[in-house]
Amino acid sequence: MAVYEYATINTSSTITAESGGELGDVRGKAVKFVDGKVQMPGAGEDSIGIVLLSESENVKTGNTVTIQVKDIGKWKAGAAVGVGDLLTSDAEGLCQKATEGQYVLARALSAATAKNDLVTIQIINAGYLKAGA
């Protein structure tokens, strides 16, 4: 019988991953996996999480970044959002209110009135928003 020294459950709210391209300043922005490496998502696409605000300002190909994948954190706004809004990524990785057919990564726990405002969010990975939701 095998005896394992460590649990196989990772309870951390963050992961690290390698950049698959020149991402520039991705602090507080959503990212996705493409062939196992981090890339910027398109507007409304499935995202894995939000890059921590403490990361480097200039992420180059092959750099490692830390990504929050669950719990409560901060996401830079791409437009005004309200408390309780279901959020998706815009084309820059910033948050915006999700519309039908877009992937819901988080729920807003605070409001934003302008681009680059920091929004307190809860990552929920809720899937694609259905009509009438």
Foldseek 3Di string as FASTA:
>chain_A
DDDDPDDPDDPDQKDKFFAQAWLAAQAQFFWADDPRGTDHDAWLEDTQAGFHNPDDRTHGGGDMTMGGRFFKDKHWAQAWDAQFAFWTAHRSRGIDRADAFGWGQWGFRHIDHHGRDITITGGDRPGGDHPPD
